[in-house]
Amino acid sequence: MAIARKIAYNVVVSSISKILSTVLALVAIGLITRYLGQGGFGNYATVLAFLSFFSAIADLGLNSASTREISRPGANEEYIIGNVFSLRIIISLIVLFLSPAIVFFFPYTIQVKEAIIIIAFSFFFSSSYQILNGVFQKNLAMDKVAISEFFGKCLQVLLVFWIIKMNLGFLWIVSALFFSMFLNFILVYFWSKKYILLKLKFDFNYWKTFLKEAYPIGIAVLITFIYFKMDTILLSIMKTSADVGIYNVAYKIIENITFFPAMIIGLIFPIMSQNIFSNKKRFKYISDKTYKVFWIMIIPLVIGTLFLSGGIINLVGGAGFSASAIVLRILTFALVFIFFGNFSNAILIAGNKQKKMLFILFLAAAFNLVANLIFIPYYSYLAASVISVLTEMLVVIGTFFIIAKEFQYFPRVENIGGILGAGGVMIIVLFIFRNMNFLLSGTLSALIYLVALWLFQALKTEEITSIISKKTLKN
């Protein structure tokens, strides 16, 4: 299959699978919020925050660094993945056994602490299959990862529905996530056999060398956790579980949308790594087009969320979470910076400049932690929302500065006026049809936005297919 066709196939299949997975994730959230209520969902969100915590402390940069290394010309893929996978298993087991001691120090109920232990087992499988994702990224086969996650979400929704019907309670709701991640791992492992023969390898000298290169990425992941998830843990300690629930219904919606930039960067990252030093012209071309696509995606997401947040929250969380609408409106601006943060971080990692971004991430994490400690006791989830926006903005400003300094590159957007103009048309449509059912008005405005992009010549078909065409890869 030609590379352009292969990437197009991956984008289509991955997008469809990811969209369906997102819909299923929101269905699961809707079922869980209605079953557990504000307080119960707050406890559930706290448990998920610990899943992110375990992932952050055990990441050590293994996922991103392994993808980068196997994407290098002449890389021994099976040797690298075999060693990194073995290292990941050992680290995951350490986290698993330490998790009871970690949660002991937090002022949670026994049930919440038991749920955190269950989520630690889930982490073991999620962290293992994430290492294999690099294999699919290199071979432009992320469609298989997306399909695996879709089946995992299907299983989770079915289990949640059955658990609620049988009224099995909170711990079983958490366990549904464990079974979902276990299925993800099995499917990804099975499909990885097409590309590599996975064998555990224990070259300790290579581990030492690899960790030396990877640990800055790992530190970045840990610091990112501080400003991305620590607010939930701080809310759970300083405020009520209901506050955590109100904040996290909106946050989960934003979190599920972030698969879009992650998916695109996942497909583009190996090509960035391949060209950033060897073909700077090609690298800049790919980066500019990716940056433009992000702008095209961000505009309707922000506009649609600002107009339709009330209906979105009511659909996802139910009437009991109406207070989450204002949180969603605030967090949609954090989403903008999350898109651009994915973009800038990928460039820095591809260019082996991950150490340079640590200072920016550290400052952002310090700001986030101090600001949340000061303002959450007074303003609760509203403070956490605004601080999240400011933190993501600091990261983007800092990382873009480093990129401009180190690579003499700043992304450009061709016909930005056309994109903004299409957004303006969308605003007019949403305002005119503001009393219409939010699903209908949202769909109509999105379609008109796409038509306006075409009319204003803000996006051309050949721009997408040319990003990674076979011809340009050879240039």
Protein backbone atom coordinates (compact mmCIF):
# COMPACT_ATOMS: atom_id res chain seq x y z
CA MET A 1 0.00 0.00 0.00
CA ALA A 2 1.42 3.43 -0.96
CA ILE A 3 2.42 5.50 2.06
CA ALA A 4 -0.11 8.25 1.32
CA ARG A 5 -2.90 5.68 1.02
CA LYS A 6 -1.69 3.89 4.13
CA ILE A 7 -1.68 7.03 6.22
CA ALA A 8 -5.09 8.02 4.86
CA TYR A 9 -6.43 4.59 5.79
CA ASN A 10 -4.93 4.91 9.28
CA VAL A 11 -6.39 8.37 9.77
CA VAL A 12 -9.87 7.27 8.66
CA VAL A 13 -9.97 4.01 10.63
CA SER A 14 -8.29 5.50 13.69
CA SER A 15 -10.58 8.51 13.62
CA ILE A 16 -13.73 6.42 13.33
CA SER A 17 -12.55 4.02 16.05
CA LYS A 18 -11.46 6.86 18.33
CA ILE A 19 -14.68 8.77 17.82
CA LEU A 20 -16.71 5.67 18.62
CA SER A 21 -14.47 5.00 21.63
CA THR A 22 -15.02 8.56 22.81
CA VAL A 23 -18.77 8.19 22.44
CA LEU A 24 -18.62 4.95 24.43
CA ALA A 25 -16.44 6.62 27.08
CA LEU A 26 -19.00 9.40 27.44
CA VAL A 27 -21.79 6.81 27.61
CA ALA A 28 -19.89 5.08 30.41
CA ILE A 29 -19.46 8.40 32.22
CA GLY A 30 -23.17 9.11 31.82
CA LEU A 31 -24.09 5.72 33.28
CA ILE A 32 -21.61 6.07 36.14
CA THR A 33 -22.59 9.64 37.07
CA ARG A 34 -26.27 8.73 37.21
CA TYR A 35 -25.53 5.60 39.25
CA LEU A 36 -23.00 7.04 41.70
CA GLY A 37 -24.12 10.69 41.91
CA GLN A 38 -21.82 13.68 42.51
CA GLY A 39 -20.00 12.21 45.51
CA GLY A 40 -19.61 8.72 44.08
CA PHE A 41 -18.41 10.00 40.74
CA GLY A 42 -15.99 12.26 42.60
CA ASN A 43 -14.53 9.16 44.26
CA TYR A 44 -14.35 7.45 40.88
CA ALA A 45 -12.50 10.45 39.39
CA THR A 46 -10.09 10.39 42.34
CA VAL A 47 -9.30 6.74 41.66
CA LEU A 48 -8.66 7.52 37.97
CA ALA A 49 -6.33 10.33 39.02
CA PHE A 50 -4.24 7.73 40.83
CA LEU A 51 -4.10 5.68 37.63
CA SER A 52 -2.51 8.74 36.01
CA PHE A 53 -0.24 9.10 39.04
CA PHE A 54 1.02 5.51 38.75
CA SER A 55 1.54 6.01 35.02
CA ALA A 56 3.51 9.21 35.62
CA ILE A 57 5.88 7.91 38.28
CA ALA A 58 6.58 4.72 36.28
CA ASP A 59 6.79 6.24 32.80
CA LEU A 60 10.51 7.16 32.88
CA GLY A 61 10.17 8.23 29.24
CA LEU A 62 10.08 4.64 28.04
CA ASN A 63 7.10 5.01 25.68
CA SER A 64 8.18 8.10 23.74
CA ALA A 65 11.89 7.21 23.75
CA SER A 66 11.29 3.69 22.44
CA THR A 67 9.12 5.02 19.61
CA ARG A 68 11.82 7.54 18.71
CA GLU A 69 14.60 4.95 18.78
CA ILE A 70 12.87 2.31 16.66
CA SER A 71 12.01 5.04 14.12
CA ARG A 72 15.70 5.78 13.50
CA PRO A 73 17.15 4.41 10.25
CA GLY A 74 18.64 0.93 10.75
CA ALA A 75 17.21 0.49 14.27
CA ASN A 76 17.03 -3.08 15.64
CA GLU A 77 13.34 -2.98 16.47
CA GLU A 78 13.00 -6.35 18.22
CA TYR A 79 16.09 -5.77 20.35
CA ILE A 80 14.91 -2.32 21.48
CA ILE A 81 11.31 -3.33 22.18
CA GLY A 82 12.37 -6.57 23.90
CA ASN A 83 14.58 -4.69 26.35
CA VAL A 84 12.17 -1.80 26.94
CA PHE A 85 9.22 -4.16 27.42
CA SER A 86 11.16 -6.14 30.04
CA LEU A 87 12.10 -2.92 31.80
CA ARG A 88 8.47 -1.79 31.73
CA ILE A 89 7.25 -5.04 33.34
CA ILE A 90 9.72 -4.75 36.21
CA ILE A 91 8.84 -1.11 36.87
CA SER A 92 5.10 -1.86 36.71
CA LEU A 93 5.46 -4.68 39.23
CA ILE A 94 7.30 -2.36 41.61
CA VAL A 95 4.50 0.21 41.36
CA LEU A 96 1.90 -2.51 41.84
CA PHE A 97 3.47 -3.77 45.05
CA LEU A 98 4.06 -0.27 46.42
CA SER A 99 0.54 1.00 45.71
CA PRO A 100 -0.95 -0.13 49.09
CA ALA A 101 1.73 1.82 50.94
CA ILE A 102 1.17 4.88 48.74
CA VAL A 103 -2.59 5.10 49.34
CA PHE A 104 -2.23 4.45 53.08
CA PHE A 105 -1.20 8.08 53.63
CA PHE A 106 -4.29 9.60 51.98
CA PRO A 107 -7.45 10.46 53.98
CA TYR A 108 -9.80 8.31 51.90
CA THR A 109 -12.36 5.72 52.89
CA ILE A 110 -11.43 2.04 52.85
CA GLN A 111 -13.55 1.55 49.74
CA VAL A 112 -11.70 4.26 47.82
CA LYS A 113 -8.33 2.84 48.90
CA GLU A 114 -9.41 -0.64 47.75
CA ALA A 115 -10.45 0.86 44.41
CA ILE A 116 -7.01 2.46 44.02
CA ILE A 117 -5.40 -0.96 44.52
CA ILE A 118 -7.65 -2.37 41.77
CA ILE A 119 -6.61 0.47 39.47
CA ALA A 120 -2.95 -0.36 40.18
CA PHE A 121 -3.56 -3.79 38.61
CA SER A 122 -5.18 -2.01 35.65
CA PHE A 123 -2.06 0.09 35.31
CA PHE A 124 0.07 -3.02 34.89
CA PHE A 125 -1.72 -3.93 31.66
CA SER A 126 -2.18 -0.38 30.34
CA SER A 127 1.51 0.44 30.77
CA SER A 128 2.56 -2.80 29.07
CA TYR A 129 0.52 -2.30 25.91
CA GLN A 130 1.59 1.33 25.61
CA ILE A 131 5.16 0.19 24.95
CA LEU A 132 3.92 -1.79 21.96
CA ASN A 133 2.19 1.28 20.57
CA GLY A 134 5.52 2.48 19.22
CA VAL A 135 5.68 -0.53 16.93
CA PHE A 136 2.35 0.41 15.40
CA GLN A 137 3.36 4.07 15.12
CA LYS A 138 6.50 3.18 13.19
CA ASN A 139 4.63 0.88 10.83
CA LEU A 140 1.76 3.36 10.33
CA ALA A 141 -0.66 0.86 11.85
CA MET A 142 -2.22 2.86 14.66
CA ASP A 143 -5.61 1.77 13.34
CA LYS A 144 -5.08 -1.53 15.16
CA VAL A 145 -4.43 0.25 18.46
CA ALA A 146 -7.53 2.37 17.95
CA ILE A 147 -9.64 -0.71 17.19
CA SER A 148 -8.27 -2.45 20.30
CA GLU A 149 -9.23 0.52 22.45
CA PHE A 150 -12.67 0.54 20.85
CA PHE A 151 -13.26 -3.09 21.82
CA GLY A 152 -11.97 -2.31 25.31
CA LYS A 153 -14.49 0.52 25.62
CA CYS A 154 -17.26 -1.75 24.36
CA LEU A 155 -16.43 -4.24 27.10
CA GLN A 156 -16.31 -1.49 29.74
CA VAL A 157 -19.73 -0.08 28.77
CA LEU A 158 -21.31 -3.54 28.73
CA LEU A 159 -19.83 -4.34 32.14
CA VAL A 160 -20.91 -0.99 33.61
CA PHE A 161 -24.45 -1.52 32.30
CA TRP A 162 -24.55 -5.02 33.84
CA ILE A 163 -23.02 -3.82 37.14
CA ILE A 164 -25.62 -1.07 37.46
CA LYS A 165 -28.44 -3.46 36.59
CA MET A 166 -27.23 -5.91 39.24
CA ASN A 167 -26.47 -3.02 41.65
CA LEU A 168 -23.01 -4.42 42.45
CA GLY A 169 -21.60 -1.10 43.66
CA PHE A 170 -18.59 1.17 43.38
CA LEU A 171 -15.75 -1.37 43.42
CA TRP A 172 -17.25 -3.30 40.53
CA ILE A 173 -17.54 -0.07 38.52
CA VAL A 174 -13.80 0.42 38.99
CA SER A 175 -13.14 -3.24 38.11
CA ALA A 176 -14.82 -2.74 34.74
CA LEU A 177 -11.88 -0.53 33.79
CA PHE A 178 -9.46 -3.30 34.77
CA PHE A 179 -11.11 -5.80 32.42
CA SER A 180 -11.18 -3.19 29.64
CA MET A 181 -7.43 -2.59 29.89
CA PHE A 182 -6.72 -6.31 30.08
CA LEU A 183 -8.57 -6.80 26.77
CA ASN A 184 -6.65 -3.87 25.22
CA PHE A 185 -3.35 -5.52 26.14
CA ILE A 186 -4.34 -8.91 24.74
CA LEU A 187 -5.46 -7.45 21.41
CA VAL A 188 -2.44 -5.16 20.99
CA TYR A 189 -0.05 -7.97 21.89
CA PHE A 190 -1.73 -10.30 19.38
CA TRP A 191 -1.54 -7.75 16.55
CA SER A 192 2.06 -6.79 17.33
CA LYS A 193 3.17 -10.27 16.23
CA LYS A 194 2.67 -9.16 12.63
CA TYR A 195 5.56 -6.69 12.99
CA ILE A 196 7.92 -8.07 15.62
CA LEU A 197 8.64 -11.25 17.52
CA LEU A 198 8.41 -10.01 21.11
CA LYS A 199 10.98 -11.65 23.40
CA LEU A 200 11.97 -10.40 26.83
CA LYS A 201 15.56 -9.18 26.81
CA PHE A 202 17.74 -8.18 29.76
CA ASP A 203 20.71 -6.25 28.43
CA PHE A 204 21.44 -4.19 31.54
CA ASN A 205 24.07 -2.08 29.81
CA TYR A 206 21.51 -1.11 27.19
CA TRP A 207 18.97 -0.38 29.94
CA LYS A 208 21.46 2.03 31.52
CA THR A 209 22.13 3.80 28.22
CA PHE A 210 18.47 3.90 27.28
CA LEU A 211 17.33 5.26 30.64
CA LYS A 212 19.97 7.96 30.48
CA GLU A 213 18.40 9.18 27.23
CA ALA A 214 14.79 8.58 28.27
CA TYR A 215 14.66 9.91 31.83
CA PRO A 216 14.20 13.59 30.85
CA ILE A 217 11.03 12.57 29.03
CA GLY A 218 9.97 10.62 32.12
CA ILE A 219 10.56 13.65 34.34
CA ALA A 220 8.51 15.71 31.88
CA VAL A 221 5.68 13.18 32.13
CA LEU A 222 5.80 13.31 35.93
CA ILE A 223 5.82 17.10 35.95
CA THR A 224 2.97 17.10 33.44
CA PHE A 225 0.98 14.90 35.79
CA ILE A 226 1.41 17.49 38.55
CA TYR A 227 -0.33 20.17 36.53
CA PHE A 228 -2.68 17.86 34.63
CA LYS A 229 -4.09 15.63 37.38
CA MET A 230 -2.88 16.89 40.72
CA ASP A 231 -5.80 19.33 40.86
CA THR A 232 -8.21 16.40 41.15
CA ILE A 233 -6.23 14.89 44.02
CA LEU A 234 -5.99 18.28 45.77
CA LEU A 235 -9.74 18.79 45.32
CA SER A 236 -10.35 15.35 46.83
CA ILE A 237 -8.28 16.29 49.89
CA MET A 238 -9.32 19.94 50.42
CA LYS A 239 -12.93 19.88 49.23
CA THR A 240 -15.79 17.37 49.03
CA SER A 241 -16.13 14.45 46.66
CA ALA A 242 -19.09 16.33 45.11
CA ASP A 243 -16.71 19.14 44.09
CA VAL A 244 -14.43 16.55 42.53
CA GLY A 245 -17.39 15.10 40.65
CA ILE A 246 -18.57 18.46 39.29
CA TYR A 247 -15.07 19.32 38.10
CA ASN A 248 -14.35 15.95 36.56
CA VAL A 249 -17.53 15.57 34.50
CA ALA A 250 -16.35 18.59 32.50
CA TYR A 251 -12.72 17.49 32.68
CA LYS A 252 -13.50 14.02 31.34
CA ILE A 253 -15.20 15.54 28.31
CA ILE A 254 -12.10 17.62 27.57
CA GLU A 255 -9.84 14.67 28.28
CA ASN A 256 -11.66 12.48 25.78
CA ILE A 257 -11.38 15.14 23.07
CA THR A 258 -7.59 15.26 23.51
CA PHE A 259 -7.30 11.98 21.64
CA PHE A 260 -7.46 14.03 18.41
CA PRO A 261 -4.09 15.80 18.80
CA ALA A 262 -2.54 12.70 20.36
CA MET A 263 -3.68 10.56 17.43
CA ILE A 264 -2.37 12.98 14.81
CA ILE A 265 0.95 13.45 16.60
CA GLY A 266 1.20 9.67 17.01
CA LEU A 267 1.05 9.29 13.22
CA ILE A 268 3.33 12.25 12.44
CA PHE A 269 5.94 11.80 15.18
CA PRO A 270 8.01 9.03 13.49
CA ILE A 271 8.21 11.18 10.34
CA MET A 272 9.21 14.23 12.39
CA SER A 273 11.97 12.17 14.01
CA GLN A 274 13.14 10.96 10.62
CA ASN A 275 13.33 14.41 9.02
CA ILE A 276 14.10 16.92 11.78
CA PHE A 277 17.88 16.66 11.19
CA SER A 278 18.20 15.02 7.78
CA ASN A 279 15.63 17.10 5.87
CA LYS A 280 14.73 20.33 7.64
CA LYS A 281 12.66 21.60 4.73
CA ARG A 282 10.50 18.50 4.86
CA PHE A 283 10.27 18.72 8.66
CA LYS A 284 9.04 22.31 8.51
CA TYR A 285 6.52 21.43 5.81
CA ILE A 286 5.06 18.56 7.87
CA SER A 287 5.01 20.66 11.03
CA ASP A 288 3.31 23.64 9.37
CA LYS A 289 0.59 21.44 7.91
CA THR A 290 0.03 19.69 11.25
CA TYR A 291 -0.16 23.07 13.00
CA LYS A 292 -2.73 24.24 10.46
CA VAL A 293 -4.85 21.12 10.94
CA PHE A 294 -4.82 21.79 14.70
CA TRP A 295 -6.14 25.31 14.12
CA ILE A 296 -8.88 23.94 11.88
CA MET A 297 -9.92 21.49 14.61
CA ILE A 298 -9.63 23.89 17.55
CA ILE A 299 -11.86 26.65 16.21
CA PRO A 300 -15.12 24.62 16.02
CA LEU A 301 -14.38 22.77 19.26
CA VAL A 302 -14.04 26.00 21.23
CA ILE A 303 -16.98 27.75 19.59
CA GLY A 304 -19.24 24.72 19.86
CA THR A 305 -18.38 24.15 23.52
CA LEU A 306 -18.99 27.78 24.48
CA PHE A 307 -22.45 27.72 22.94
CA LEU A 308 -23.52 24.17 23.77
CA SER A 309 -21.88 23.37 27.13
CA GLY A 310 -25.19 23.22 29.00
CA GLY A 311 -26.64 20.63 26.67
CA ILE A 312 -23.40 18.64 26.58
CA ILE A 313 -23.22 18.43 30.38
CA ASN A 314 -26.88 17.50 30.68
CA LEU A 315 -26.42 14.70 28.14
CA VAL A 316 -23.23 13.33 29.69
CA GLY A 317 -23.69 13.88 33.41
CA GLY A 318 -27.40 14.46 33.86
CA ALA A 319 -29.31 17.22 35.62
CA GLY A 320 -27.36 16.73 38.84
CA PHE A 321 -24.20 18.13 37.23
CA SER A 322 -25.49 21.41 35.77
CA ALA A 323 -22.77 23.28 37.68
CA SER A 324 -20.21 21.55 35.44
CA ALA A 325 -21.27 23.68 32.44
CA ILE A 326 -19.25 26.71 33.53
CA VAL A 327 -16.26 24.44 34.22
CA LEU A 328 -16.52 23.06 30.68
CA ARG A 329 -16.59 26.56 29.18
CA ILE A 330 -13.42 27.47 31.06
CA LEU A 331 -11.61 24.23 30.30
CA THR A 332 -12.26 24.49 26.57
CA PHE A 333 -9.50 27.13 26.50
CA ALA A 334 -7.17 24.68 28.19
CA LEU A 335 -8.00 22.33 25.31
CA VAL A 336 -6.60 24.88 22.86
CA PHE A 337 -3.25 24.88 24.62
CA ILE A 338 -3.29 21.08 25.02
CA PHE A 339 -3.45 20.79 21.22
CA PHE A 340 -0.48 23.10 20.75
CA GLY A 341 1.35 21.53 23.69
CA ASN A 342 1.17 18.12 21.99
CA PHE A 343 2.61 19.73 18.87
CA SER A 344 5.52 21.52 20.55
CA ASN A 345 6.43 18.62 22.84
CA ALA A 346 6.60 16.25 19.87
CA ILE A 347 9.05 18.55 18.09
CA LEU A 348 11.29 18.83 21.15
CA ILE A 349 11.32 15.07 21.73
CA ALA A 350 11.95 14.33 18.05
CA GLY A 351 14.87 16.77 18.14
CA ASN A 352 16.37 15.29 21.34
CA LYS A 353 15.70 18.55 23.19
CA GLN A 354 13.55 17.05 25.92
CA LYS A 355 15.93 18.35 28.59
CA LYS A 356 15.31 21.90 27.39
CA MET A 357 11.60 21.69 28.06
CA LEU A 358 12.02 20.39 31.61
CA PHE A 359 12.60 23.87 33.02
CA ILE A 360 9.39 25.18 31.41
CA LEU A 361 7.40 22.18 32.63
CA PHE A 362 8.85 22.53 36.11
CA LEU A 363 7.83 26.19 36.28
CA ALA A 364 4.35 25.33 35.03
CA ALA A 365 3.97 22.51 37.56
CA ALA A 366 5.20 24.72 40.40
CA PHE A 367 2.77 27.47 39.40
CA ASN A 368 -0.09 24.96 39.14
CA LEU A 369 0.63 23.34 42.50
CA VAL A 370 1.07 26.59 44.43
CA ALA A 371 -1.91 28.29 42.78
CA ASN A 372 -4.19 25.31 43.46
CA LEU A 373 -3.08 25.12 47.09
CA ILE A 374 -3.87 28.81 47.51
CA PHE A 375 -7.13 29.13 45.59
CA ILE A 376 -8.91 25.73 45.74
CA PRO A 377 -9.90 26.19 49.42
CA TYR A 378 -11.72 29.41 48.43
CA TYR A 379 -12.94 28.84 44.87
CA SER A 380 -12.94 25.04 44.56
CA TYR A 381 -13.39 23.65 41.03
CA LEU A 382 -13.59 27.12 39.45
CA ALA A 383 -10.07 27.84 40.66
CA ALA A 384 -8.84 24.48 39.39
CA SER A 385 -10.38 25.21 35.97
CA VAL A 386 -8.82 28.66 35.52
CA ILE A 387 -5.45 27.47 36.82
CA SER A 388 -5.50 24.58 34.32
CA VAL A 389 -5.92 27.07 31.46
CA LEU A 390 -3.11 29.31 32.69
CA THR A 391 -0.80 26.33 33.24
CA GLU A 392 -1.30 24.92 29.73
CA MET A 393 -0.75 28.41 28.31
CA LEU A 394 2.57 28.74 30.15
CA VAL A 395 3.75 25.40 28.75
CA VAL A 396 2.92 26.36 25.17
CA ILE A 397 4.57 29.78 25.40
CA GLY A 398 7.71 28.28 26.91
CA THR A 399 8.05 25.33 24.54
CA PHE A 400 7.39 27.45 21.45
CA PHE A 401 10.16 29.79 22.60
CA ILE A 402 12.58 26.85 22.90
CA ILE A 403 11.63 25.57 19.42
CA ALA A 404 12.21 29.00 17.89
CA LYS A 405 15.59 29.30 19.63
CA GLU A 406 16.91 25.78 19.06
CA PHE A 407 15.56 25.04 15.58
CA GLN A 408 15.01 28.57 14.21
CA TYR A 409 11.48 27.49 13.47
CA PHE A 410 8.10 28.97 14.26
CA PRO A 411 5.01 27.34 12.70
CA ARG A 412 3.05 29.29 10.11
CA VAL A 413 -0.61 28.92 9.17
CA GLU A 414 -1.51 29.55 5.56
CA ASN A 415 -4.83 31.40 5.15
CA ILE A 416 -5.48 31.79 8.88
CA GLY A 417 -8.01 34.44 7.93
CA GLY A 418 -10.07 31.86 6.08
CA ILE A 419 -10.07 29.55 9.11
CA LEU A 420 -11.14 32.35 11.45
CA GLY A 421 -13.74 33.46 8.93
CA ALA A 422 -15.23 29.97 8.88
CA GLY A 423 -15.33 30.12 12.67
CA GLY A 424 -17.18 33.41 12.47
CA VAL A 425 -19.79 31.82 10.22
CA MET A 426 -20.19 29.02 12.76
CA ILE A 427 -20.80 31.56 15.54
CA ILE A 428 -23.55 33.23 13.52
CA VAL A 429 -25.24 29.87 12.83
CA LEU A 430 -25.12 28.85 16.50
CA PHE A 431 -26.49 32.21 17.58
CA ILE A 432 -29.38 32.09 15.10
CA PHE A 433 -30.28 28.52 16.07
CA ARG A 434 -29.50 28.89 19.79
CA ASN A 435 -32.99 27.70 20.76
CA MET A 436 -32.74 24.55 18.62
CA ASN A 437 -31.88 21.15 20.13
CA PHE A 438 -28.16 21.36 20.88
CA LEU A 439 -27.33 18.18 18.95
CA LEU A 440 -29.04 19.49 15.82
CA SER A 441 -27.57 22.98 16.09
CA GLY A 442 -24.13 21.54 16.81
CA THR A 443 -24.26 19.22 13.80
CA LEU A 444 -25.61 21.94 11.51
CA SER A 445 -22.99 24.48 12.59
CA ALA A 446 -20.16 21.96 12.16
CA LEU A 447 -21.28 21.11 8.61
CA ILE A 448 -21.55 24.79 7.71
CA TYR A 449 -18.09 25.37 9.19
CA LEU A 450 -16.65 22.71 6.86
CA VAL A 451 -18.42 24.27 3.87
CA ALA A 452 -17.09 27.69 4.86
CA LEU A 453 -13.54 26.29 5.06
CA TRP A 454 -13.90 25.09 1.49
CA LEU A 455 -15.46 28.33 0.27
CA PHE A 456 -12.71 30.40 1.91
CA GLN A 457 -10.08 27.97 0.51
CA ALA A 458 -8.72 27.44 4.02
CA LEU A 459 -8.21 23.69 3.50
CA LYS A 460 -7.45 21.84 0.31
CA THR A 461 -7.64 18.08 -0.17
CA GLU A 462 -4.14 17.86 -1.62
CA GLU A 463 -2.69 19.43 1.53
CA ILE A 464 -3.66 16.41 3.61
CA THR A 465 -2.56 13.71 1.15
CA SER A 466 0.75 15.46 0.40
CA ILE A 467 1.93 15.62 4.01
CA ILE A 468 3.42 12.16 3.89
CA SER A 469 3.33 11.20 0.26
CA LYS A 470 5.90 8.74 -1.00
CA LYS A 471 7.52 11.37 -3.18
CA THR A 472 8.07 13.90 -0.44
CA LEU A 473 9.42 11.30 1.95
CA LYS A 474 12.20 10.61 -0.53
CA ASN A 475 13.08 14.29 -0.89
